[in-house]
Amino acid sequence: MGERDGYIRLPRFRIETQADLSAPLKAMGMSQVFDPARAALGASATASALLMAAMQQDFVEVNERHGSSDICSYGNSPRDRVSPS
């Protein structure tokens, strides 16, 4: 069998997912960052921070012009919250 030119047609699609990574991180031994009594994420000994959740969001998009993907991971701490006006 030899080489020959051809075309491949793929359908257009977009897949989006979101995952809470808190449980896997705790299972890997990072439970202290979610515990207010043990978290040590602050810049100093008097200012501490903790994570309430660790989320990952990603997508893959394929169309006739191009394919693209992106991933975003972020933590949710009480300090990140904004009070409603």
N, C-alpha and C. Protein backbone atom coordinates (compact mmCIF):
# COMPACT_ATOMS: atom_id res chain seq x y z
N MET A 1 0.84 -1.17 0.00
CA MET A 1 0.00 0.00 0.00
C MET A 1 0.89 1.24 0.00
N GLY A 2 0.59 2.19 -0.85
CA GLY A 2 1.40 3.40 -0.95
C GLY A 2 0.65 4.62 -0.45
N GLU A 3 1.33 5.75 -0.56
CA GLU A 3 0.72 7.01 -0.16
C GLU A 3 -0.18 7.53 -1.26
N ARG A 4 -1.21 8.24 -0.85
CA ARG A 4 -2.05 8.94 -1.84
C ARG A 4 -2.75 10.11 -1.15
N ASP A 5 -3.04 11.13 -1.93
CA ASP A 5 -3.72 12.31 -1.41
C ASP A 5 -5.17 11.98 -1.10
N GLY A 6 -5.72 12.69 -0.15
CA GLY A 6 -7.11 12.47 0.21
C GLY A 6 -7.60 13.58 1.12
N TYR A 7 -8.85 13.52 1.48
CA TYR A 7 -9.48 14.50 2.37
C TYR A 7 -10.11 13.78 3.54
N ILE A 8 -10.04 14.41 4.68
CA ILE A 8 -10.72 13.90 5.86
C ILE A 8 -11.72 14.96 6.28
N ARG A 9 -12.94 14.56 6.49
CA ARG A 9 -13.97 15.50 6.94
C ARG A 9 -14.35 15.17 8.38
N LEU A 10 -14.25 16.18 9.21
CA LEU A 10 -14.63 16.03 10.62
C LEU A 10 -15.84 16.90 10.89
N PRO A 11 -16.76 16.41 11.69
CA PRO A 11 -17.91 17.26 12.04
C PRO A 11 -17.47 18.39 12.97
N ARG A 12 -18.20 19.49 12.93
CA ARG A 12 -17.95 20.57 13.87
C ARG A 12 -18.47 20.15 15.24
N PHE A 13 -17.68 20.45 16.27
CA PHE A 13 -18.16 20.15 17.62
C PHE A 13 -17.42 21.00 18.64
N ARG A 14 -18.02 21.10 19.79
CA ARG A 14 -17.41 21.80 20.93
C ARG A 14 -17.75 20.98 22.18
N ILE A 15 -16.74 20.69 22.95
CA ILE A 15 -16.92 19.94 24.20
C ILE A 15 -16.43 20.84 25.33
N GLU A 16 -17.27 21.01 26.34
CA GLU A 16 -16.90 21.80 27.52
C GLU A 16 -17.05 20.93 28.76
N THR A 17 -16.11 21.04 29.66
CA THR A 17 -16.20 20.31 30.92
C THR A 17 -15.79 21.22 32.07
N GLN A 18 -16.27 20.88 33.23
CA GLN A 18 -15.88 21.56 34.45
C GLN A 18 -15.76 20.49 35.53
N ALA A 19 -14.71 20.56 36.30
CA ALA A 19 -14.48 19.56 37.34
C ALA A 19 -14.07 20.23 38.64
N ASP A 20 -14.59 19.72 39.73
CA ASP A 20 -14.17 20.16 41.06
C ASP A 20 -13.01 19.27 41.47
N LEU A 21 -11.84 19.84 41.61
CA LEU A 21 -10.63 19.07 41.93
C LEU A 21 -10.35 18.99 43.43
N SER A 22 -11.28 19.46 44.25
CA SER A 22 -11.05 19.46 45.70
C SER A 22 -10.85 18.05 46.24
N ALA A 23 -11.73 17.12 45.89
CA ALA A 23 -11.61 15.75 46.41
C ALA A 23 -10.32 15.07 45.94
N PRO A 24 -9.95 15.14 44.64
CA PRO A 24 -8.68 14.53 44.24
C PRO A 24 -7.47 15.15 44.94
N LEU A 25 -7.48 16.47 45.14
CA LEU A 25 -6.36 17.11 45.83
C LEU A 25 -6.28 16.66 47.29
N LYS A 26 -7.44 16.53 47.93
CA LYS A 26 -7.45 16.03 49.32
C LYS A 26 -6.93 14.61 49.37
N ALA A 27 -7.31 13.78 48.39
CA ALA A 27 -6.86 12.38 48.35
C ALA A 27 -5.35 12.29 48.10
N MET A 28 -4.78 13.30 47.47
CA MET A 28 -3.33 13.32 47.22
C MET A 28 -2.55 13.91 48.39
N GLY A 29 -3.25 14.23 49.48
CA GLY A 29 -2.56 14.71 50.68
C GLY A 29 -2.55 16.21 50.84
N MET A 30 -3.38 16.92 50.10
CA MET A 30 -3.40 18.39 50.21
C MET A 30 -4.61 18.89 51.00
N SER A 31 -5.12 18.08 51.90
CA SER A 31 -6.31 18.47 52.66
C SER A 31 -6.08 19.68 53.57
N GLN A 32 -4.83 19.93 53.97
CA GLN A 32 -4.56 21.04 54.87
C GLN A 32 -4.92 22.40 54.26
N VAL A 33 -4.85 22.57 52.94
CA VAL A 33 -5.15 23.88 52.34
C VAL A 33 -6.65 24.18 52.36
N PHE A 34 -7.48 23.17 52.61
CA PHE A 34 -8.93 23.34 52.69
C PHE A 34 -9.42 23.47 54.13
N ASP A 35 -8.53 23.27 55.10
CA ASP A 35 -8.88 23.28 56.52
C ASP A 35 -8.49 24.62 57.15
N PRO A 36 -9.47 25.40 57.65
CA PRO A 36 -9.14 26.71 58.23
C PRO A 36 -8.12 26.64 59.37
N ALA A 37 -8.10 25.56 60.11
CA ALA A 37 -7.18 25.45 61.24
C ALA A 37 -5.75 25.12 60.80
N ARG A 38 -5.59 24.54 59.61
CA ARG A 38 -4.26 24.10 59.17
C ARG A 38 -3.74 24.80 57.92
N ALA A 39 -4.56 25.57 57.24
CA ALA A 39 -4.13 26.21 55.99
C ALA A 39 -3.02 27.21 56.26
N ALA A 40 -2.01 27.20 55.42
CA ALA A 40 -0.88 28.13 55.57
C ALA A 40 -0.56 28.74 54.21
N LEU A 41 -1.55 29.39 53.61
CA LEU A 41 -1.35 29.98 52.29
C LEU A 41 -1.11 31.48 52.35
N GLY A 42 -1.10 32.05 53.53
CA GLY A 42 -0.95 33.50 53.67
C GLY A 42 0.47 33.97 53.42
N ALA A 43 0.60 35.29 53.23
CA ALA A 43 1.91 35.89 53.00
C ALA A 43 2.70 36.05 54.29
N SER A 44 2.01 36.05 55.41
CA SER A 44 2.71 36.20 56.70
C SER A 44 2.07 35.29 57.73
N ALA A 45 2.65 35.26 58.91
CA ALA A 45 2.12 34.40 59.98
C ALA A 45 0.78 34.90 60.49
N THR A 46 0.52 36.20 60.37
CA THR A 46 -0.74 36.75 60.87
C THR A 46 -1.86 36.74 59.83
N ALA A 47 -1.51 36.70 58.57
CA ALA A 47 -2.53 36.70 57.49
C ALA A 47 -2.53 35.32 56.85
N SER A 48 -3.62 34.58 57.00
CA SER A 48 -3.68 33.26 56.41
C SER A 48 -4.83 33.20 55.40
N ALA A 49 -4.75 32.25 54.53
CA ALA A 49 -5.79 32.04 53.51
C ALA A 49 -6.01 30.54 53.38
N LEU A 50 -7.17 30.18 52.89
CA LEU A 50 -7.46 28.78 52.66
C LEU A 50 -8.27 28.67 51.38
N LEU A 51 -8.32 27.48 50.84
CA LEU A 51 -9.13 27.21 49.66
C LEU A 51 -10.44 26.57 50.08
N MET A 52 -11.52 27.00 49.45
CA MET A 52 -12.81 26.35 49.67
C MET A 52 -13.09 25.35 48.56
N ALA A 53 -12.51 25.59 47.37
CA ALA A 53 -12.70 24.69 46.23
C ALA A 53 -11.56 24.93 45.24
N ALA A 54 -11.29 23.94 44.43
CA ALA A 54 -10.33 24.06 43.33
C ALA A 54 -11.05 23.54 42.09
N MET A 55 -11.26 24.42 41.12
CA MET A 55 -12.05 24.08 39.94
C MET A 55 -11.19 24.09 38.69
N GLN A 56 -11.55 23.26 37.72
CA GLN A 56 -10.90 23.26 36.42
C GLN A 56 -11.98 23.33 35.36
N GLN A 57 -11.80 24.19 34.38
CA GLN A 57 -12.75 24.35 33.29
C GLN A 57 -11.97 24.26 31.99
N ASP A 58 -12.47 23.50 31.02
CA ASP A 58 -11.77 23.41 29.75
C ASP A 58 -12.75 23.19 28.60
N PHE A 59 -12.25 23.43 27.38
CA PHE A 59 -13.06 23.17 26.20
C PHE A 59 -12.16 22.78 25.04
N VAL A 60 -12.74 22.05 24.11
CA VAL A 60 -12.11 21.71 22.84
C VAL A 60 -13.13 22.06 21.76
N GLU A 61 -12.71 22.80 20.76
CA GLU A 61 -13.60 23.19 19.67
C GLU A 61 -12.94 22.85 18.35
N VAL A 62 -13.67 22.17 17.48
CA VAL A 62 -13.19 21.82 16.14
C VAL A 62 -14.23 22.29 15.15
N ASN A 63 -13.79 23.05 14.16
CA ASN A 63 -14.68 23.43 13.06
C ASN A 63 -13.90 23.33 11.75
N GLU A 64 -14.51 23.72 10.66
CA GLU A 64 -13.87 23.54 9.36
C GLU A 64 -12.66 24.45 9.15
N ARG A 65 -12.50 25.46 9.97
CA ARG A 65 -11.37 26.39 9.81
C ARG A 65 -10.19 26.06 10.72
N HIS A 66 -10.47 25.64 11.93
CA HIS A 66 -9.38 25.41 12.87
C HIS A 66 -9.88 24.61 14.07
N GLY A 67 -8.96 24.19 14.86
CA GLY A 67 -9.28 23.57 16.14
C GLY A 67 -8.65 24.40 17.24
N SER A 68 -9.28 24.47 18.39
CA SER A 68 -8.71 25.22 19.50
C SER A 68 -9.10 24.58 20.81
N SER A 69 -8.34 24.90 21.83
CA SER A 69 -8.65 24.39 23.16
C SER A 69 -8.12 25.38 24.18
N ASP A 70 -8.66 25.29 25.37
CA ASP A 70 -8.23 26.17 26.45
C ASP A 70 -8.52 25.47 27.76
N ILE A 71 -7.76 25.80 28.76
CA ILE A 71 -7.97 25.23 30.08
C ILE A 71 -7.75 26.33 31.12
N CYS A 72 -8.56 26.30 32.13
CA CYS A 72 -8.46 27.31 33.18
C CYS A 72 -8.66 26.61 34.52
N SER A 73 -7.73 26.75 35.40
CA SER A 73 -7.84 26.21 36.75
C SER A 73 -7.82 27.37 37.73
N TYR A 74 -8.65 27.30 38.74
CA TYR A 74 -8.70 28.37 39.72
C TYR A 74 -9.12 27.83 41.06
N GLY A 75 -8.70 28.53 42.09
CA GLY A 75 -9.09 28.19 43.45
C GLY A 75 -10.13 29.17 43.93
N ASN A 76 -10.94 28.74 44.86
CA ASN A 76 -11.99 29.59 45.42
C ASN A 76 -11.72 29.74 46.91
N SER A 77 -11.35 30.93 47.31
CA SER A 77 -11.11 31.18 48.73
C SER A 77 -12.11 32.21 49.23
N PRO A 78 -12.34 32.28 50.53
CA PRO A 78 -13.29 33.26 51.06
C PRO A 78 -12.89 34.68 50.70
N ARG A 79 -11.62 34.95 50.56
CA ARG A 79 -11.14 36.29 50.22
C ARG A 79 -11.54 36.67 48.79
N ASP A 80 -11.75 35.67 47.89
CA ASP A 80 -12.14 35.93 46.51
C ASP A 80 -13.59 36.36 46.38
N ARG A 81 -14.38 36.15 47.39
CA ARG A 81 -15.81 36.43 47.29
C ARG A 81 -16.08 37.93 47.36
N VAL A 82 -17.06 38.35 46.58
CA VAL A 82 -17.47 39.76 46.57
C VAL A 82 -18.87 39.84 47.13
N SER A 83 -19.08 40.75 48.06
CA SER A 83 -20.42 40.91 48.65
C SER A 83 -21.33 41.59 47.66
N PRO A 84 -22.60 41.12 47.53
CA PRO A 84 -23.53 41.79 46.63
C PRO A 84 -23.85 43.18 47.13
N SER A 85 -24.01 44.12 46.21
CA SER A 85 -24.31 45.51 46.58
C SER A 85 -25.78 45.70 46.84
